[in-house]
Amino acid sequence: MDRAFRILTIYNRLLQNKSVNKQSLTLELDTSPRTIQRDIDDIRNFLYESKSWISTPKEITYDYKSESYKLEQDKHENMYFMYDILTALYLITPKLSHHFYQYLKLLIIKHHSDHRTTLLKYLEHFEIDKNQTSISPTSLVVRAMNENKYLQYNQKLLLPLSMYYQMYAFHLVYRMDDELYIDDINQMNLSLSEKPVDTQEKSNVQTYITFEIAKDVWLKMHRYYQIHVIEKYDAHYLIVTFKMTRIEAIQLCFMYRSNIRIISPPDLKEQVIDELLLLQTTYLKQQVQKWT
């Protein structure tokens, strides 16, 4: 048996939090106990020497009761990681497909056996949608954007530009028939197209928009948009130029209200003012305006 294959096999099992029994491996890999012990020692040395750069330095420990080796784990830390994942997921997607629910259940049983009961109890908070397909519209959109592909919608091709979460739903910013739209992803019947997107075409849809923005709002939103220029002029405010779609810029103004304003381009600033006047008219007349 090739030494590299043996070492990778042992290390892979240790990383998966599995026990490595020397006698079992001797039979499985058709080698001697001494060879297996030497391989484990080599892995030990590697972990020790790579302490300075490895992300989570751990040690290989020996359990005399089971006569097996394991990679030292902070079980409580891992449990809290899983709680973080489940909580974040529950806050944005409290209803899961049966397939996704079973995947999470398997993940807990396989990798969090010491806290299985409490984690599975928390998992029961989720609602299971048995009619939901295994591939969610959100994952379809993310895949299309990641692989630079078009999406098919109502027998037309749409260009996905960005995605954001607002008002308990994921929204897609996209271009179709030379128009820009924002829609709830779960209300769209989408399929993946094999047609590749020209990245230059996507870039041409976006424009440079300059904002005056409160620093706390900047900290919340800056990672989601392409930054062009940052100009600090106050302890609490920034002037920032992003590259984004015009429709996203208008949404940001209504989302963060008095904490953000558009400086340029002038025509977009006028468009926001028109939207504000329309909102004011709605309340002054006590009548909802006709959708256009």
Protein backbone atom coordinates (compact mmCIF):
# COMPACT_ATOMS: atom_id res chain seq x y z
CA MET A 1 0.00 0.00 0.00
CA ASP A 2 1.36 3.42 -1.04
CA ARG A 3 2.55 5.50 1.95
CA ALA A 4 0.97 8.75 0.71
CA PHE A 5 -2.39 6.99 0.28
CA ARG A 6 -2.18 5.54 3.80
CA ILE A 7 -1.36 8.89 5.41
CA LEU A 8 -4.12 10.71 3.52
CA THR A 9 -6.62 7.98 4.44
CA ILE A 10 -5.75 8.23 8.14
CA TYR A 11 -5.67 12.04 8.17
CA ASN A 12 -8.98 12.29 6.30
CA ARG A 13 -10.68 10.08 8.89
CA LEU A 14 -9.22 12.09 11.74
CA LEU A 15 -10.47 15.33 10.16
CA GLN A 16 -13.95 13.79 9.96
CA ASN A 17 -13.78 13.24 13.72
CA LYS A 18 -13.63 9.48 13.24
CA SER A 19 -11.69 7.10 15.47
CA VAL A 20 -8.68 5.38 13.93
CA ASN A 21 -8.08 1.90 15.28
CA LYS A 22 -4.57 0.67 14.54
CA GLN A 23 -5.50 -3.03 14.31
CA SER A 24 -8.46 -2.39 11.99
CA LEU A 25 -6.35 -0.24 9.70
CA THR A 26 -3.63 -2.88 9.62
CA LEU A 27 -6.11 -5.34 8.12
CA GLU A 28 -7.86 -2.81 5.89
CA LEU A 29 -4.70 -1.36 4.37
CA ASP A 30 -2.85 -4.68 4.31
CA THR A 31 0.18 -3.50 6.25
CA SER A 32 1.78 -3.86 9.70
CA PRO A 33 0.85 -2.17 13.02
CA ARG A 34 4.33 -0.63 13.11
CA THR A 35 3.76 1.01 9.71
CA ILE A 36 0.41 2.45 10.82
CA GLN A 37 2.01 3.78 14.00
CA ARG A 38 4.76 5.43 11.95
CA ASP A 39 2.15 7.06 9.69
CA ILE A 40 0.29 8.44 12.70
CA ASP A 41 3.55 9.79 14.13
CA ASP A 42 4.26 11.50 10.80
CA ILE A 43 0.83 13.18 10.94
CA ARG A 44 1.52 14.21 14.54
CA ASN A 45 4.82 15.81 13.48
CA PHE A 46 3.11 17.61 10.61
CA LEU A 47 0.48 19.10 12.95
CA TYR A 48 3.15 20.18 15.43
CA GLU A 49 5.38 21.81 12.80
CA SER A 50 2.47 23.62 11.12
CA LYS A 51 1.11 25.20 14.32
CA SER A 52 2.20 28.67 13.17
CA TRP A 53 0.01 28.70 10.04
CA ILE A 54 -2.63 25.99 10.36
CA SER A 55 -6.05 27.51 11.11
CA THR A 56 -7.04 25.21 13.98
CA PRO A 57 -3.99 23.50 15.54
CA LYS A 58 -5.04 20.18 17.14
CA GLU A 59 -3.36 17.16 18.62
CA ILE A 60 -3.88 13.46 17.99
CA THR A 61 -4.93 11.77 21.23
CA TYR A 62 -5.04 8.06 22.11
CA ASP A 63 -8.08 6.51 23.79
CA TYR A 64 -6.91 3.46 25.75
CA LYS A 65 -10.46 2.17 26.20
CA SER A 66 -11.17 1.85 22.47
CA GLU A 67 -7.49 1.55 21.53
CA SER A 68 -8.03 4.21 18.91
CA TYR A 69 -6.59 7.56 17.87
CA LYS A 70 -8.69 10.72 17.47
CA LEU A 71 -8.05 14.31 16.52
CA GLU A 72 -8.62 16.49 19.56
CA GLN A 73 -11.87 18.43 19.18
CA ASP A 74 -13.40 21.30 21.10
CA LYS A 75 -16.85 19.72 21.23
CA HIS A 76 -18.55 22.69 22.89
CA GLU A 77 -17.09 25.07 20.30
CA ASN A 78 -18.36 22.86 17.47
CA MET A 79 -21.80 22.74 19.05
CA TYR A 80 -22.01 26.55 19.12
CA PHE A 81 -20.91 26.70 15.48
CA MET A 82 -23.87 24.47 14.63
CA TYR A 83 -26.21 26.63 16.71
CA ASP A 84 -24.96 29.67 14.77
CA ILE A 85 -25.68 27.94 11.45
CA LEU A 86 -29.16 26.79 12.49
CA THR A 87 -30.10 30.16 14.00
CA ALA A 88 -28.98 32.15 10.95
CA LEU A 89 -30.85 29.72 8.73
CA TYR A 90 -34.02 29.83 10.84
CA LEU A 91 -34.15 33.63 10.83
CA ILE A 92 -34.13 33.82 7.03
CA THR A 93 -35.57 30.42 5.97
CA PRO A 94 -37.84 28.91 8.67
CA LYS A 95 -39.42 26.59 6.10
CA LEU A 96 -37.14 23.91 4.59
CA SER A 97 -37.54 21.27 1.94
CA HIS A 98 -37.68 17.70 3.21
CA HIS A 99 -34.32 16.99 1.50
CA PHE A 100 -32.55 19.93 3.17
CA TYR A 101 -34.03 19.04 6.57
CA GLN A 102 -32.74 15.47 6.26
CA TYR A 103 -29.31 16.76 5.23
CA LEU A 104 -29.07 18.93 8.37
CA LYS A 105 -30.26 16.04 10.51
CA LEU A 106 -27.57 13.77 9.06
CA LEU A 107 -24.95 16.47 9.62
CA ILE A 108 -25.86 16.69 13.31
CA ILE A 109 -25.94 12.93 13.82
CA LYS A 110 -22.62 12.41 12.03
CA HIS A 111 -20.55 15.32 13.36
CA HIS A 112 -22.23 16.36 16.63
CA SER A 113 -23.04 13.06 18.29
CA ASP A 114 -22.27 14.37 21.81
CA HIS A 115 -24.91 17.11 21.47
CA ARG A 116 -27.23 15.30 19.08
CA THR A 117 -30.33 15.43 21.32
CA THR A 118 -30.26 19.19 21.94
CA LEU A 119 -29.36 20.10 18.35
CA LEU A 120 -32.06 17.85 16.89
CA LYS A 121 -34.56 19.44 19.29
CA TYR A 122 -33.62 22.87 17.92
CA LEU A 123 -33.93 21.54 14.36
CA GLU A 124 -37.59 20.70 15.10
CA HIS A 125 -38.34 24.44 15.12
CA PHE A 126 -38.16 24.40 11.33
CA GLU A 127 -41.26 23.81 9.25
CA ILE A 128 -40.92 21.12 6.58
CA ASP A 129 -42.41 21.81 3.16
CA LYS A 130 -42.87 18.38 1.59
CA ASN A 131 -43.93 19.92 -1.72
CA GLN A 132 -40.75 21.96 -2.08
CA THR A 133 -38.25 20.62 -4.57
CA SER A 134 -34.74 19.68 -3.51
CA ILE A 135 -33.31 22.59 -5.55
CA SER A 136 -34.48 25.92 -4.12
CA PRO A 137 -34.90 29.04 -6.32
CA THR A 138 -32.28 30.78 -4.15
CA SER A 139 -29.63 28.12 -4.74
CA LEU A 140 -30.44 28.24 -8.47
CA VAL A 141 -29.86 32.00 -8.56
CA VAL A 142 -26.61 31.75 -6.58
CA ARG A 143 -25.34 29.05 -8.92
CA ALA A 144 -26.18 31.15 -12.00
CA MET A 145 -24.35 34.18 -10.58
CA ASN A 146 -21.37 32.09 -9.45
CA GLU A 147 -21.03 30.37 -12.83
CA ASN A 148 -21.87 33.52 -14.88
CA LYS A 149 -24.93 32.06 -16.59
CA TYR A 150 -28.32 33.42 -17.59
CA LEU A 151 -31.57 32.31 -15.98
CA GLN A 152 -34.73 31.39 -17.84
CA TYR A 153 -37.95 33.10 -16.68
CA ASN A 154 -41.31 33.01 -18.48
CA GLN A 155 -39.58 31.69 -21.63
CA LYS A 156 -37.19 34.65 -21.61
CA LEU A 157 -33.54 35.00 -20.61
CA LEU A 158 -32.77 37.23 -17.65
CA LEU A 159 -29.40 38.51 -16.51
CA PRO A 160 -28.99 38.07 -12.72
CA LEU A 161 -27.14 41.06 -11.23
CA SER A 162 -27.35 40.78 -7.45
CA MET A 163 -29.36 39.29 -4.63
CA TYR A 164 -30.30 40.65 -1.22
CA TYR A 165 -32.50 39.78 1.77
CA GLN A 166 -35.25 42.18 2.83
CA MET A 167 -38.66 41.90 4.49
CA TYR A 168 -38.37 38.15 5.14
CA ALA A 169 -37.56 37.28 1.52
CA PHE A 170 -34.64 37.02 -0.90
CA HIS A 171 -34.88 39.43 -3.82
CA LEU A 172 -33.21 39.25 -7.21
CA VAL A 173 -32.02 42.32 -9.10
CA TYR A 174 -32.02 41.42 -12.80
CA ARG A 175 -32.22 42.74 -16.32
CA MET A 176 -34.71 41.44 -18.86
CA ASP A 177 -35.73 43.02 -22.18
CA ASP A 178 -33.37 45.95 -21.46
CA GLU A 179 -35.29 46.80 -18.26
CA LEU A 180 -34.18 46.44 -14.64
CA TYR A 181 -36.37 44.67 -12.06
CA ILE A 182 -36.37 43.57 -8.41
CA ASP A 183 -38.55 40.59 -7.50
CA ASP A 184 -39.03 38.07 -4.70
CA ILE A 185 -37.04 35.02 -5.84
CA ASN A 186 -39.53 32.54 -4.36
CA GLN A 187 -42.30 34.02 -6.52
CA MET A 188 -40.33 33.41 -9.73
CA ASN A 189 -40.38 30.18 -11.71
CA LEU A 190 -36.72 30.03 -12.70
CA SER A 191 -34.50 27.53 -14.47
CA LEU A 192 -30.79 27.59 -15.25
CA SER A 193 -29.73 28.43 -18.80
CA GLU A 194 -26.51 27.12 -20.31
CA LYS A 195 -25.91 30.45 -22.05
CA PRO A 196 -22.83 32.15 -20.51
CA VAL A 197 -22.95 35.78 -19.38
CA ASP A 198 -20.48 38.28 -20.80
CA THR A 199 -19.05 39.88 -17.64
CA GLN A 200 -18.64 43.16 -19.51
CA GLU A 201 -22.38 43.16 -20.22
CA LYS A 202 -23.10 42.84 -16.49
CA SER A 203 -20.68 45.66 -15.74
CA ASN A 204 -22.36 47.93 -18.32
CA VAL A 205 -25.71 47.61 -16.53
CA GLN A 206 -24.23 49.13 -13.37
CA THR A 207 -23.25 52.76 -12.92
CA TYR A 208 -21.15 54.84 -10.52
CA ILE A 209 -23.35 56.35 -7.81
CA THR A 210 -22.07 58.66 -5.07
CA PHE A 211 -23.70 58.72 -1.62
CA GLU A 212 -23.35 60.64 1.59
CA ILE A 213 -23.76 57.89 4.15
CA ALA A 214 -23.72 57.44 7.94
CA LYS A 215 -20.76 55.36 9.09
CA ASP A 216 -22.89 52.73 10.89
CA VAL A 217 -24.93 52.17 7.71
CA TRP A 218 -21.71 51.94 5.71
CA LEU A 219 -20.47 49.18 8.01
CA LYS A 220 -23.66 47.18 7.35
CA MET A 221 -23.78 47.47 3.57
CA HIS A 222 -20.26 48.03 2.18
CA ARG A 223 -19.40 44.36 1.63
CA TYR A 224 -22.38 43.86 -0.70
CA TYR A 225 -21.45 46.42 -3.36
CA GLN A 226 -18.43 47.21 -5.51
CA ILE A 227 -16.61 50.21 -3.99
CA HIS A 228 -15.01 52.73 -6.33
CA VAL A 229 -13.97 55.66 -4.10
CA ILE A 230 -14.18 56.38 -0.35
CA GLU A 231 -13.80 59.96 0.87
CA LYS A 232 -13.93 60.51 4.63
CA TYR A 233 -15.02 64.00 5.61
CA ASP A 234 -16.50 63.62 9.10
CA ALA A 235 -16.26 61.40 12.18
CA HIS A 236 -19.76 60.05 11.54
CA TYR A 237 -20.27 60.34 7.77
CA LEU A 238 -18.56 59.26 4.54
CA ILE A 239 -18.86 60.14 0.89
CA VAL A 240 -18.67 56.88 -1.05
CA THR A 241 -18.98 55.97 -4.72
CA PHE A 242 -20.33 52.49 -5.44
CA LYS A 243 -20.82 50.71 -8.73
CA MET A 244 -24.38 49.36 -8.69
CA THR A 245 -27.70 49.49 -10.52
CA ARG A 246 -29.87 52.59 -10.24
CA ILE A 247 -32.79 50.59 -8.89
CA GLU A 248 -30.63 49.29 -6.01
CA ALA A 249 -29.57 52.84 -5.15
CA ILE A 250 -33.20 53.96 -4.87
CA GLN A 251 -33.99 50.96 -2.66
CA LEU A 252 -31.10 51.88 -0.34
CA CYS A 253 -32.44 55.43 0.05
CA PHE A 254 -35.82 54.15 1.22
CA MET A 255 -34.30 51.41 3.36
CA TYR A 256 -31.94 53.69 5.32
CA ARG A 257 -33.96 56.92 4.96
CA SER A 258 -32.26 59.86 6.73
CA ASN A 259 -28.94 57.99 7.07
CA ILE A 260 -28.14 58.05 3.36
CA ARG A 261 -28.59 60.35 0.37
CA ILE A 262 -27.59 60.32 -3.30
CA ILE A 263 -25.21 63.08 -4.39
CA SER A 264 -24.76 62.04 -8.03
CA PRO A 265 -25.71 61.41 -10.79
CA PRO A 266 -28.17 64.35 -10.69
CA ASP A 267 -30.93 62.63 -12.69
CA LEU A 268 -30.99 59.73 -10.22
CA LYS A 269 -31.21 62.17 -7.31
CA GLU A 270 -34.21 63.77 -9.06
CA GLN A 271 -35.78 60.34 -9.46
CA VAL A 272 -35.53 59.73 -5.69
CA ILE A 273 -37.13 63.15 -5.04
CA ASP A 274 -39.99 62.21 -7.40
CA GLU A 275 -40.50 58.96 -5.48
CA LEU A 276 -40.55 60.88 -2.18
CA LEU A 277 -43.13 63.35 -3.54
CA LEU A 278 -45.26 60.44 -4.70
CA LEU A 279 -45.07 58.92 -1.21
CA GLN A 280 -46.02 62.27 0.32
CA THR A 281 -48.99 62.58 -2.05
CA THR A 282 -50.20 59.13 -1.05
CA TYR A 283 -50.48 60.22 2.59
CA LEU A 284 -51.78 63.73 1.91
CA LYS A 285 -54.57 62.38 -0.30
CA GLN A 286 -55.08 59.35 1.94
CA GLN A 287 -55.18 57.21 -1.18
CA VAL A 288 -52.84 54.58 -2.60
CA GLN A 289 -51.50 55.61 -6.00
CA LYS A 290 -52.05 53.49 -9.09
CA TRP A 291 -49.11 51.14 -9.81
CA THR A 292 -47.17 52.14 -12.94
